[in-house]
PDB file of all heavy atoms in Angstrom:
ATOM      1  N   ASN A   1       0.822  -1.206   0.001  1.00  0.00           N
ATOM      2  CA  ASN A   1      -0.002   0.004   0.000  1.00  0.00           C
ATOM      3  C   ASN A   1       0.854   1.270  -0.001  1.00  0.00           C
ATOM      4  O   ASN A   1       1.837   1.362   0.736  1.00  0.00           O
ATOM      5  CB  ASN A   1      -0.915   0.013   1.231  1.00  0.00           C
ATOM      6  CG  ASN A   1      -1.904  -1.112   1.227  1.00  0.00           C
ATOM      7  OD1 ASN A   1      -2.148  -1.748   0.197  1.00  0.00           O
ATOM      8  ND2 ASN A   1      -2.497  -1.399   2.383  1.00  0.00           N
ATOM      9  N   GLY A   2       0.485   2.214  -0.857  1.00  0.00           N
ATOM     10  CA  GLY A   2       1.138   3.521  -0.866  1.00  0.00           C
ATOM     11  C   GLY A   2       2.488   3.582  -1.556  1.00  0.00           C
ATOM     12  O   GLY A   2       3.149   4.628  -1.492  1.00  0.00           O
ATOM     13  N   THR A   3       2.899   2.515  -2.221  1.00  0.00           N
ATOM     14  CA  THR A   3       4.225   2.501  -2.835  1.00  0.00           C
ATOM     15  C   THR A   3       4.311   3.500  -3.983  1.00  0.00           C
ATOM     16  O   THR A   3       3.461   3.523  -4.871  1.00  0.00           O
ATOM     17  CB  THR A   3       4.558   1.088  -3.369  1.00  0.00           C
ATOM     18  OG1 THR A   3       4.561   0.176  -2.279  1.00  0.00           O
ATOM     19  CG2 THR A   3       5.906   1.075  -4.070  1.00  0.00           C
ATOM     20  N   ARG A   4       5.360   4.303  -3.943  1.00  0.00           N
ATOM     21  CA  ARG A   4       5.702   5.176  -5.074  1.00  0.00           C
ATOM     22  C   ARG A   4       6.902   4.584  -5.789  1.00  0.00           C
ATOM     23  O   ARG A   4       7.732   3.918  -5.177  1.00  0.00           O
ATOM     24  CB  ARG A   4       6.057   6.582  -4.591  1.00  0.00           C
ATOM     25  CG  ARG A   4       4.939   7.323  -3.899  1.00  0.00           C
ATOM     26  CD  ARG A   4       5.351   8.747  -3.546  1.00  0.00           C
ATOM     27  NE  ARG A   4       6.511   8.763  -2.649  1.00  0.00           N
ATOM     28  CZ  ARG A   4       7.179   9.871  -2.322  1.00  0.00           C
ATOM     29  NH1 ARG A   4       6.824  11.038  -2.814  1.00  0.00           N
ATOM     30  NH2 ARG A   4       8.207   9.806  -1.489  1.00  0.00           N
ATOM     31  N   LEU A   5       6.991   4.840  -7.075  1.00  0.00           N
ATOM     32  CA  LEU A   5       8.178   4.381  -7.806  1.00  0.00           C
ATOM     33  C   LEU A   5       9.425   5.029  -7.215  1.00  0.00           C
ATOM     34  O   LEU A   5      10.463   4.393  -7.119  1.00  0.00           O
ATOM     35  CB  LEU A   5       8.038   4.731  -9.287  1.00  0.00           C
ATOM     36  CG  LEU A   5       9.136   4.185 -10.199  1.00  0.00           C
ATOM     37  CD1 LEU A   5       9.220   2.671 -10.141  1.00  0.00           C
ATOM     38  CD2 LEU A   5       8.894   4.636 -11.646  1.00  0.00           C
ATOM     39  N   LYS A   6       9.289   6.274  -6.809  1.00  0.00           N
ATOM     40  CA  LYS A   6      10.417   6.987  -6.183  1.00  0.00           C
ATOM     41  C   LYS A   6      10.933   6.246  -4.951  1.00  0.00           C
ATOM     42  O   LYS A   6      12.139   6.197  -4.693  1.00  0.00           O
ATOM     43  CB  LYS A   6       9.988   8.405  -5.791  1.00  0.00           C
ATOM     44  CG  LYS A   6      11.083   9.222  -5.144  1.00  0.00           C
ATOM     45  CD  LYS A   6      10.575  10.614  -4.765  1.00  0.00           C
ATOM     46  CE  LYS A   6      11.678  11.449  -4.155  1.00  0.00           C
ATOM     47  NZ  LYS A   6      11.198  12.810  -3.783  1.00  0.00           N
ATOM     48  N   ASP A   7      10.012   5.604  -4.201  1.00  0.00           N
ATOM     49  CA  ASP A   7      10.406   4.877  -2.999  1.00  0.00           C
ATOM     50  C   ASP A   7      11.219   3.615  -3.342  1.00  0.00           C
ATOM     51  O   ASP A   7      12.050   3.170  -2.545  1.00  0.00           O
ATOM     52  CB  ASP A   7       9.168   4.447  -2.193  1.00  0.00           C
ATOM     53  CG  ASP A   7       8.347   5.625  -1.727  1.00  0.00           C
ATOM     54  OD1 ASP A   7       8.927   6.704  -1.499  1.00  0.00           O
ATOM     55  OD2 ASP A   7       7.105   5.467  -1.608  1.00  0.00           O
ATOM     56  N   LEU A   8      10.940   3.043  -4.510  1.00  0.00           N
ATOM     57  CA  LEU A   8      11.616   1.806  -4.892  1.00  0.00           C
ATOM     58  C   LEU A   8      13.038   2.039  -5.405  1.00  0.00           C
ATOM     59  O   LEU A   8      13.908   1.164  -5.282  1.00  0.00           O
ATOM     60  CB  LEU A   8      10.829   1.090  -5.990  1.00  0.00           C
ATOM     61  CG  LEU A   8       9.468   0.500  -5.636  1.00  0.00           C
ATOM     62  CD1 LEU A   8       8.827  -0.120  -6.870  1.00  0.00           C
ATOM     63  CD2 LEU A   8       9.604  -0.537  -4.535  1.00  0.00           C
ATOM     64  N   MET A   9      13.269   3.190  -6.025  1.00  0.00           N
ATOM     65  CA  MET A   9      14.483   3.365  -6.810  1.00  0.00           C
ATOM     66  C   MET A   9      15.801   3.299  -6.029  1.00  0.00           C
ATOM     67  O   MET A   9      16.783   2.760  -6.537  1.00  0.00           O
ATOM     68  CB  MET A   9      14.401   4.674  -7.602  1.00  0.00           C
ATOM     69  CG  MET A   9      13.318   4.656  -8.676  1.00  0.00           C
ATOM     70  SD  MET A   9      13.264   3.104  -9.610  1.00  0.00           S
ATOM     71  CE  MET A   9      14.852   3.129 -10.430  1.00  0.00           C
ATOM     72  N   PRO A  10      15.900   3.839  -4.793  1.00  0.00           N
ATOM     73  CA  PRO A  10      17.209   3.797  -4.117  1.00  0.00           C
ATOM     74  C   PRO A  10      17.807   2.404  -3.985  1.00  0.00           C
ATOM     75  O   PRO A  10      19.009   2.218  -4.142  1.00  0.00           O
ATOM     76  CB  PRO A  10      16.898   4.409  -2.735  1.00  0.00           C
ATOM     77  CG  PRO A  10      15.743   5.317  -2.979  1.00  0.00           C
ATOM     78  CD  PRO A  10      14.900   4.601  -4.001  1.00  0.00           C
ATOM     79  N   GLY A  11      16.990   1.393  -3.718  1.00  0.00           N
ATOM     80  CA  GLY A  11      17.528   0.052  -3.573  1.00  0.00           C
ATOM     81  C   GLY A  11      17.124  -0.910  -4.685  1.00  0.00           C
ATOM     82  O   GLY A  11      17.361  -2.115  -4.576  1.00  0.00           O
ATOM     83  N   PHE A  12      16.542  -0.374  -5.741  1.00  0.00           N
ATOM     84  CA  PHE A  12      15.992  -1.239  -6.792  1.00  0.00           C
ATOM     85  C   PHE A  12      17.075  -2.046  -7.485  1.00  0.00           C
ATOM     86  O   PHE A  12      16.887  -3.226  -7.820  1.00  0.00           O
ATOM     87  CB  PHE A  12      15.204  -0.419  -7.802  1.00  0.00           C
ATOM     88  CG  PHE A  12      14.408  -1.236  -8.778  1.00  0.00           C
ATOM     89  CD1 PHE A  12      13.236  -1.874  -8.390  1.00  0.00           C
ATOM     90  CD2 PHE A  12      14.826  -1.384 -10.087  1.00  0.00           C
ATOM     91  CE1 PHE A  12      12.495  -2.632  -9.270  1.00  0.00           C
ATOM     92  CE2 PHE A  12      14.091  -2.145 -10.992  1.00  0.00           C
ATOM     93  CZ  PHE A  12      12.921  -2.775 -10.578  1.00  0.00           C
ATOM     94  N   ALA A  13      18.218  -1.434  -7.730  1.00  0.00           N
ATOM     95  CA  ALA A  13      19.282  -2.112  -8.483  1.00  0.00           C
ATOM     96  C   ALA A  13      19.837  -3.316  -7.745  1.00  0.00           C
ATOM     97  O   ALA A  13      20.316  -4.274  -8.374  1.00  0.00           O
ATOM     98  CB  ALA A  13      20.405  -1.128  -8.809  1.00  0.00           C
ATOM     99  N   THR A  14      19.770  -3.304  -6.430  1.00  0.00           N
ATOM    100  CA  THR A  14      20.346  -4.401  -5.648  1.00  0.00           C
ATOM    101  C   THR A  14      19.294  -5.311  -5.032  1.00  0.00           C
ATOM    102  O   THR A  14      19.623  -6.275  -4.339  1.00  0.00           O
ATOM    103  CB  THR A  14      21.241  -3.850  -4.517  1.00  0.00           C
ATOM    104  OG1 THR A  14      20.470  -2.957  -3.695  1.00  0.00           O
ATOM    105  CG2 THR A  14      22.426  -3.091  -5.088  1.00  0.00           C
ATOM    106  N   ALA A  15      18.020  -5.013  -5.282  1.00  0.00           N
ATOM    107  CA  ALA A  15      16.943  -5.836  -4.715  1.00  0.00           C
ATOM    108  C   ALA A  15      16.945  -7.222  -5.353  1.00  0.00           C
ATOM    109  O   ALA A  15      17.136  -7.352  -6.561  1.00  0.00           O
ATOM    110  CB  ALA A  15      15.601  -5.160  -4.954  1.00  0.00           C
ATOM    111  N   PRO A  16      16.780  -8.283  -4.559  1.00  0.00           N
ATOM    112  CA  PRO A  16      16.760  -9.646  -5.125  1.00  0.00           C
ATOM    113  C   PRO A  16      15.511  -9.875  -5.970  1.00  0.00           C
ATOM    114  O   PRO A  16      14.404  -9.530  -5.559  1.00  0.00           O
ATOM    115  CB  PRO A  16      16.788 -10.538  -3.884  1.00  0.00           C
ATOM    116  CG  PRO A  16      16.193  -9.699  -2.802  1.00  0.00           C
ATOM    117  CD  PRO A  16      16.597  -8.288  -3.095  1.00  0.00           C
ATOM    118  N   ARG A  17      15.728 -10.452  -7.145  1.00  0.00           N
ATOM    119  CA  ARG A  17      14.619 -10.796  -8.033  1.00  0.00           C
ATOM    120  C   ARG A  17      14.906 -12.153  -8.655  1.00  0.00           C
ATOM    121  O   ARG A  17      16.062 -12.472  -8.943  1.00  0.00           O
ATOM    122  CB  ARG A  17      14.460  -9.745  -9.147  1.00  0.00           C
ATOM    123  CG  ARG A  17      13.675  -8.531  -8.770  1.00  0.00           C
ATOM    124  CD  ARG A  17      13.626  -7.522  -9.890  1.00  0.00           C
ATOM    125  NE  ARG A  17      14.866  -6.791 -10.051  1.00  0.00           N
ATOM    126  CZ  ARG A  17      15.235  -5.733  -9.341  1.00  0.00           C
ATOM    127  NH1 ARG A  17      14.422  -5.278  -8.396  1.00  0.00           N
ATOM    128  NH2 ARG A  17      16.399  -5.133  -9.539  1.00  0.00           N
ATOM    129  N   THR A  18      13.856 -12.909  -8.906  1.00  0.00           N
ATOM    130  CA  THR A  18      14.012 -14.210  -9.549  1.00  0.00           C
ATOM    131  C   THR A  18      13.174 -14.327 -10.809  1.00  0.00           C
ATOM    132  O   THR A  18      13.368 -15.258 -11.577  1.00  0.00           O
ATOM    133  CB  THR A  18      13.595 -15.335  -8.577  1.00  0.00           C
ATOM    134  OG1 THR A  18      12.232 -15.137  -8.186  1.00  0.00           O
ATOM    135  CG2 THR A  18      14.486 -15.359  -7.344  1.00  0.00           C
ATOM    136  N   GLY A  19      12.254 -13.420 -11.039  1.00  0.00           N
ATOM    137  CA  GLY A  19      11.335 -13.523 -12.153  1.00  0.00           C
ATOM    138  C   GLY A  19      11.965 -13.221 -13.492  1.00  0.00           C
ATOM    139  O   GLY A  19      12.828 -12.355 -13.609  1.00  0.00           O
ATOM    140  N   ARG A  20      11.509 -13.952 -14.503  1.00  0.00           N
ATOM    141  CA  ARG A  20      11.901 -13.651 -15.887  1.00  0.00           C
ATOM    142  C   ARG A  20      11.193 -12.385 -16.365  1.00  0.00           C
ATOM    143  O   ARG A  20      11.703 -11.654 -17.187  1.00  0.00           O
ATOM    144  CB  ARG A  20      11.525 -14.839 -16.792  1.00  0.00           C
ATOM    145  CG  ARG A  20      11.957 -14.653 -18.241  1.00  0.00           C
ATOM    146  CD  ARG A  20      13.478 -14.785 -18.364  1.00  0.00           C
ATOM    147  NE  ARG A  20      13.918 -14.535 -19.729  1.00  0.00           N
ATOM    148  CZ  ARG A  20      14.238 -13.346 -20.219  1.00  0.00           C
ATOM    149  NH1 ARG A  20      14.150 -12.278 -19.445  1.00  0.00           N
ATOM    150  NH2 ARG A  20      14.671 -13.205 -21.453  1.00  0.00           N
ATOM    151  N   TYR A  21      10.003 -12.129 -15.797  1.00  0.00           N
ATOM    152  CA  TYR A  21       9.202 -10.955 -16.157  1.00  0.00           C
ATOM    153  C   TYR A  21       9.009 -10.106 -14.903  1.00  0.00           C
ATOM    154  O   TYR A  21       8.724 -10.629 -13.828  1.00  0.00           O
ATOM    155  CB  TYR A  21       7.852 -11.384 -16.736  1.00  0.00           C
ATOM    156  CG  TYR A  21       8.023 -12.281 -17.937  1.00  0.00           C
ATOM    157  CD1 TYR A  21       8.064 -13.677 -17.777  1.00  0.00           C
ATOM    158  CD2 TYR A  21       8.228 -11.768 -19.200  1.00  0.00           C
ATOM    159  CE1 TYR A  21       8.282 -14.508 -18.865  1.00  0.00           C
ATOM    160  CE2 TYR A  21       8.451 -12.595 -20.289  1.00  0.00           C
ATOM    161  CZ  TYR A  21       8.479 -13.957 -20.116  1.00  0.00           C
ATOM    162  OH  TYR A  21       8.716 -14.788 -21.180  1.00  0.00           O
ATOM    163  N   VAL A  22       9.189  -8.803 -15.043  1.00  0.00           N
ATOM    164  CA  VAL A  22       9.086  -7.900 -13.906  1.00  0.00           C
ATOM    165  C   VAL A  22       8.010  -6.853 -14.208  1.00  0.00           C
ATOM    166  O   VAL A  22       8.144  -6.055 -15.139  1.00  0.00           O
ATOM    167  CB  VAL A  22      10.432  -7.193 -13.622  1.00  0.00           C
ATOM    168  CG1 VAL A  22      10.297  -6.228 -12.447  1.00  0.00           C
ATOM    169  CG2 VAL A  22      11.522  -8.233 -13.340  1.00  0.00           C
ATOM    170  N   VAL A  23       6.940  -6.884 -13.423  1.00  0.00           N
ATOM    171  CA  VAL A  23       5.835  -5.950 -13.606  1.00  0.00           C
ATOM    172  C   VAL A  23       6.125  -4.684 -12.826  1.00  0.00           C
ATOM    173  O   VAL A  23       6.400  -4.723 -11.615  1.00  0.00           O
ATOM    174  CB  VAL A  23       4.507  -6.578 -13.122  1.00  0.00           C
ATOM    175  CG1 VAL A  23       3.367  -5.556 -13.226  1.00  0.00           C
ATOM    176  CG2 VAL A  23       4.196  -7.834 -13.930  1.00  0.00           C
ATOM    177  N   LEU A  24       6.047  -3.554 -13.534  1.00  0.00           N
ATOM    178  CA  LEU A  24       6.293  -2.245 -12.921  1.00  0.00           C
ATOM    179  C   LEU A  24       4.978  -1.462 -12.932  1.00  0.00           C
ATOM    180  O   LEU A  24       4.590  -0.889 -13.968  1.00  0.00           O
ATOM    181  CB  LEU A  24       7.390  -1.485 -13.682  1.00  0.00           C
ATOM    182  CG  LEU A  24       8.754  -2.180 -13.730  1.00  0.00           C
ATOM    183  CD1 LEU A  24       9.690  -1.442 -14.672  1.00  0.00           C
ATOM    184  CD2 LEU A  24       9.363  -2.260 -12.330  1.00  0.00           C
ATOM    185  N   GLN A  25       4.297  -1.408 -11.786  1.00  0.00           N
ATOM    186  CA  GLN A  25       2.992  -0.750 -11.705  1.00  0.00           C
ATOM    187  C   GLN A  25       3.000   0.581 -10.980  1.00  0.00           C
ATOM    188  O   GLN A  25       2.173   1.445 -11.314  1.00  0.00           O
ATOM    189  CB  GLN A  25       1.992  -1.693 -11.021  1.00  0.00           C
ATOM    190  CG  GLN A  25       0.573  -1.148 -10.898  1.00  0.00           C
ATOM    191  CD  GLN A  25       0.345  -0.324  -9.623  1.00  0.00           C
ATOM    192  OE1 GLN A  25       1.102  -0.421  -8.649  1.00  0.00           O
ATOM    193  NE2 GLN A  25      -0.691   0.511  -9.637  1.00  0.00           N
ATOM    194  N   PRO A  26       3.895   0.852 -10.030  1.00  0.00           N
ATOM    195  CA  PRO A  26       3.773   2.101  -9.263  1.00  0.00           C
ATOM    196  C   PRO A  26       3.745   3.330 -10.176  1.00  0.00           C
ATOM    197  O   PRO A  26       4.419   3.373 -11.184  1.00  0.00           O
ATOM    198  CB  PRO A  26       5.026   2.099  -8.390  1.00  0.00           C
ATOM    199  CG  PRO A  26       5.365   0.654  -8.216  1.00  0.00           C
ATOM    200  CD  PRO A  26       5.032   0.048  -9.553  1.00  0.00           C
ATOM    201  N   GLY A  27       2.971   4.306  -9.752  1.00  0.00           N
ATOM    202  CA  GLY A  27       2.871   5.544 -10.532  1.00  0.00           C
ATOM    203  C   GLY A  27       1.687   6.401 -10.160  1.00  0.00           C
ATOM    204  O   GLY A  27       1.699   7.611 -10.348  1.00  0.00           O
ATOM    205  N   PHE A  28       0.651   5.772  -9.589  1.00  0.00           N
ATOM    206  CA  PHE A  28      -0.520   6.563  -9.195  1.00  0.00           C
ATOM    207  C   PHE A  28      -0.147   7.573  -8.110  1.00  0.00           C
ATOM    208  O   PHE A  28      -0.459   8.761  -8.225  1.00  0.00           O
ATOM    209  CB  PHE A  28      -1.625   5.640  -8.699  1.00  0.00           C
ATOM    210  CG  PHE A  28      -2.888   6.367  -8.305  1.00  0.00           C
ATOM    211  CD1 PHE A  28      -3.855   6.666  -9.244  1.00  0.00           C
ATOM    212  CD2 PHE A  28      -3.116   6.762  -6.981  1.00  0.00           C
ATOM    213  CE1 PHE A  28      -5.009   7.352  -8.900  1.00  0.00           C
ATOM    214  CE2 PHE A  28      -4.253   7.434  -6.631  1.00  0.00           C
ATOM    215  CZ  PHE A  28      -5.208   7.735  -7.577  1.00  0.00           C
ATOM    216  N   VAL A  29       0.518   7.113  -7.075  1.00  0.00           N
ATOM    217  CA  VAL A  29       0.921   8.017  -5.991  1.00  0.00           C
ATOM    218  C   VAL A  29       1.965   9.015  -6.495  1.00  0.00           C
ATOM    219  O   VAL A  29       1.983  10.178  -6.091  1.00  0.00           O
ATOM    220  CB  VAL A  29       1.447   7.224  -4.779  1.00  0.00           C
ATOM    221  CG1 VAL A  29       1.774   8.162  -3.615  1.00  0.00           C
ATOM    222  CG2 VAL A  29       0.418   6.190  -4.334  1.00  0.00           C
ATOM    223  N   ASP A  30       2.816   8.557  -7.412  1.00  0.00           N
ATOM    224  CA  ASP A  30       3.824   9.461  -8.003  1.00  0.00           C
ATOM    225  C   ASP A  30       3.185  10.588  -8.812  1.00  0.00           C
ATOM    226  O   ASP A  30       3.854  11.582  -9.113  1.00  0.00           O
ATOM    227  CB  ASP A  30       4.746   8.683  -8.938  1.00  0.00           C
ATOM    228  CG  ASP A  30       5.581   7.640  -8.212  1.00  0.00           C
ATOM    229  OD1 ASP A  30       5.076   6.510  -8.034  1.00  0.00           O
ATOM    230  OD2 ASP A  30       6.713   7.948  -7.834  1.00  0.00           O
ATOM    231  N   ALA A  31       1.916  10.460  -9.170  1.00  0.00           N
ATOM    232  CA  ALA A  31       1.249  11.469  -9.992  1.00  0.00           C
ATOM    233  C   ALA A  31       1.017  12.773  -9.239  1.00  0.00           C
ATOM    234  O   ALA A  31       0.487  13.733  -9.813  1.00  0.00           O
ATOM    235  CB  ALA A  31      -0.082  10.933 -10.513  1.00  0.00           C
ATOM    236  N   TYR A  32       1.419  12.812  -7.966  1.00  0.00           N
ATOM    237  CA  TYR A  32       1.338  14.049  -7.215  1.00  0.00           C
ATOM    238  C   TYR A  32       2.649  14.834  -7.255  1.00  0.00           C
ATOM    239  O   TYR A  32       2.776  15.862  -6.600  1.00  0.00           O
ATOM    240  CB  TYR A  32       0.978  13.746  -5.755  1.00  0.00           C
ATOM    241  CG  TYR A  32      -0.421  13.222  -5.581  1.00  0.00           C
ATOM    242  CD1 TYR A  32      -0.652  11.857  -5.451  1.00  0.00           C
ATOM    243  CD2 TYR A  32      -1.518  14.082  -5.579  1.00  0.00           C
ATOM    244  CE1 TYR A  32      -1.941  11.351  -5.293  1.00  0.00           C
ATOM    245  CE2 TYR A  32      -2.809  13.586  -5.423  1.00  0.00           C
ATOM    246  CZ  TYR A  32      -3.012  12.231  -5.290  1.00  0.00           C
ATOM    247  OH  TYR A  32      -4.284  11.732  -5.151  1.00  0.00           O
ATOM    248  N   ARG A  33       3.646  14.357  -8.034  1.00  0.00           N
ATOM    249  CA  ARG A  33       4.910  15.080  -8.129  1.00  0.00           C
ATOM    250  C   ARG A  33       5.268  15.294  -9.593  1.00  0.00           C
ATOM    251  O   ARG A  33       4.502  14.947 -10.486  1.00  0.00           O
ATOM    252  CB  ARG A  33       6.031  14.329  -7.400  1.00  0.00           C
ATOM    253  CG  ARG A  33       6.410  12.991  -8.018  1.00  0.00           C
ATOM    254  CD  ARG A  33       7.461  12.309  -7.142  1.00  0.00           C
ATOM    255  NE  ARG A  33       7.912  11.037  -7.694  1.00  0.00           N
ATOM    256  CZ  ARG A  33       8.956  10.908  -8.498  1.00  0.00           C
ATOM    257  NH1 ARG A  33       9.644  11.961  -8.876  1.00  0.00           N
ATOM    258  NH2 ARG A  33       9.316   9.713  -8.928  1.00  0.00           N
ATOM    259  N   ALA A  34       6.437  15.866  -9.859  1.00  0.00           N
ATOM    260  CA  ALA A  34       6.805  16.301 -11.204  1.00  0.00           C
ATOM    261  C   ALA A  34       6.811  15.158 -12.208  1.00  0.00           C
ATOM    262  O   ALA A  34       7.324  14.072 -11.921  1.00  0.00           O
ATOM    263  CB  ALA A  34       8.189  16.974 -11.179  1.00  0.00           C
ATOM    264  N   THR A  35       6.258  15.401 -13.383  1.00  0.00           N
ATOM    265  CA  THR A  35       6.218  14.404 -14.447  1.00  0.00           C
ATOM    266  C   THR A  35       7.609  13.969 -14.855  1.00  0.00           C
ATOM    267  O   THR A  35       7.872  12.790 -15.092  1.00  0.00           O
ATOM    268  CB  THR A  35       5.483  14.980 -15.679  1.00  0.00           C
ATOM    269  OG1 THR A  35       4.170  15.389 -15.292  1.00  0.00           O
ATOM    270  CG2 THR A  35       5.367  13.936 -16.790  1.00  0.00           C
ATOM    271  N   GLU A  36       8.539  14.900 -14.930  1.00  0.00           N
ATOM    272  CA  GLU A  36       9.900  14.558 -15.346  1.00  0.00           C
ATOM    273  C   GLU A  36      10.525  13.530 -14.413  1.00  0.00           C
ATOM    274  O   GLU A  36      11.205  12.616 -14.840  1.00  0.00           O
ATOM    275  CB  GLU A  36      10.780  15.821 -15.383  1.00  0.00           C
ATOM    276  CG  GLU A  36      12.203  15.542 -15.834  1.00  0.00           C
ATOM    277  CD  GLU A  36      13.073  16.784 -15.795  1.00  0.00           C
ATOM    278  OE1 GLU A  36      12.573  17.846 -15.387  1.00  0.00           O
ATOM    279  OE2 GLU A  36      14.248  16.706 -16.184  1.00  0.00           O
ATOM    280  N   GLY A  37      10.306  13.691 -13.105  1.00  0.00           N
ATOM    281  CA  GLY A  37      10.866  12.741 -12.155  1.00  0.00           C
ATOM    282  C   GLY A  37      10.318  11.346 -12.349  1.00  0.00           C
ATOM    283  O   GLY A  37      11.051  10.364 -12.245  1.00  0.00           O
ATOM    284  N   TYR A  38       9.044  11.219 -12.660  1.00  0.00           N
ATOM    285  CA  TYR A  38       8.458   9.895 -12.876  1.00  0.00           C
ATOM    286  C   TYR A  38       9.044   9.239 -14.117  1.00  0.00           C
ATOM    287  O   TYR A  38       9.379   8.054 -14.108  1.00  0.00           O
ATOM    288  CB  TYR A  38       6.935   9.997 -13.001  1.00  0.00           C
ATOM    289  CG  TYR A  38       6.290   8.661 -13.265  1.00  0.00           C
ATOM    290  CD1 TYR A  38       6.250   7.679 -12.273  1.00  0.00           C
ATOM    291  CD2 TYR A  38       5.732   8.370 -14.510  1.00  0.00           C
ATOM    292  CE1 TYR A  38       5.672   6.436 -12.512  1.00  0.00           C
ATOM    293  CE2 TYR A  38       5.144   7.133 -14.750  1.00  0.00           C
ATOM    294  CZ  TYR A  38       5.126   6.178 -13.752  1.00  0.00           C
ATOM    295  OH  TYR A  38       4.556   4.954 -13.995  1.00  0.00           O
ATOM    296  N   GLU A  39       9.174   9.969 -15.185  1.00  0.00           N
ATOM    297  CA  GLU A  39       9.739   9.397 -16.403  1.00  0.00           C
ATOM    298  C   GLU A  39      11.169   8.924 -16.191  1.00  0.00           C
ATOM    299  O   GLU A  39      11.558   7.831 -16.626  1.00  0.00           O
ATOM    300  CB  GLU A  39       9.704  10.396 -17.555  1.00  0.00           C
ATOM    301  CG  GLU A  39      10.310   9.833 -18.838  1.00  0.00           C
ATOM    302  CD  GLU A  39      10.168  10.769 -20.020  1.00  0.00           C
ATOM    303  OE1 GLU A  39       9.574  11.859 -19.862  1.00  0.00           O
ATOM    304  OE2 GLU A  39      10.660  10.407 -21.104  1.00  0.00           O
ATOM    305  N   LEU A  40      11.971   9.718 -15.504  1.00  0.00           N
ATOM    306  CA  LEU A  40      13.354   9.326 -15.242  1.00  0.00           C
ATOM    307  C   LEU A  40      13.404   8.060 -14.384  1.00  0.00           C
ATOM    308  O   LEU A  40      14.221   7.162 -14.641  1.00  0.00           O
ATOM    309  CB  LEU A  40      14.091  10.481 -14.555  1.00  0.00           C
ATOM    310  CG  LEU A  40      14.361  11.725 -15.395  1.00  0.00           C
ATOM    311  CD1 LEU A  40      14.962  12.829 -14.531  1.00  0.00           C
ATOM    312  CD2 LEU A  40      15.279  11.404 -16.568  1.00  0.00           C
ATOM    313  N   ASP A  41      12.553   8.005 -13.359  1.00  0.00           N
ATOM    314  CA  ASP A  41      12.549   6.825 -12.473  1.00  0.00           C
ATOM    315  C   ASP A  41      12.088   5.568 -13.229  1.00  0.00           C
ATOM    316  O   ASP A  41      12.683   4.499 -13.086  1.00  0.00           O
ATOM    317  CB  ASP A  41      11.645   7.059 -11.278  1.00  0.00           C
ATOM    318  CG  ASP A  41      12.255   8.015 -10.256  1.00  0.00           C
ATOM    319  OD1 ASP A  41      13.478   8.232 -10.324  1.00  0.00           O
ATOM    320  OD2 ASP A  41      11.504   8.531  -9.410  1.00  0.00           O
ATOM    321  N   LEU A  42      11.029   5.689 -14.037  1.00  0.00           N
ATOM    322  CA  LEU A  42      10.527   4.530 -14.758  1.00  0.00           C
ATOM    323  C   LEU A  42      11.532   4.060 -15.798  1.00  0.00           C
ATOM    324  O   LEU A  42      11.762   2.851 -15.957  1.00  0.00           O
ATOM    325  CB  LEU A  42       9.181   4.852 -15.431  1.00  0.00           C
ATOM    326  CG  LEU A  42       8.481   3.683 -16.119  1.00  0.00           C
ATOM    327  CD1 LEU A  42       8.276   2.515 -15.152  1.00  0.00           C
ATOM    328  CD2 LEU A  42       7.144   4.138 -16.717  1.00  0.00           C
TER     329      LEU A  42
END
């Protein structure tokens, strides 16, 4: 609940993942901040 893409990015590169496919859904909560920041993060 409440996850922003911005919240994921600091540790995203080192986060453990096993999936062949990675679903990236966060963005609704990010819609309250600058558009440029969301595009860069995504």
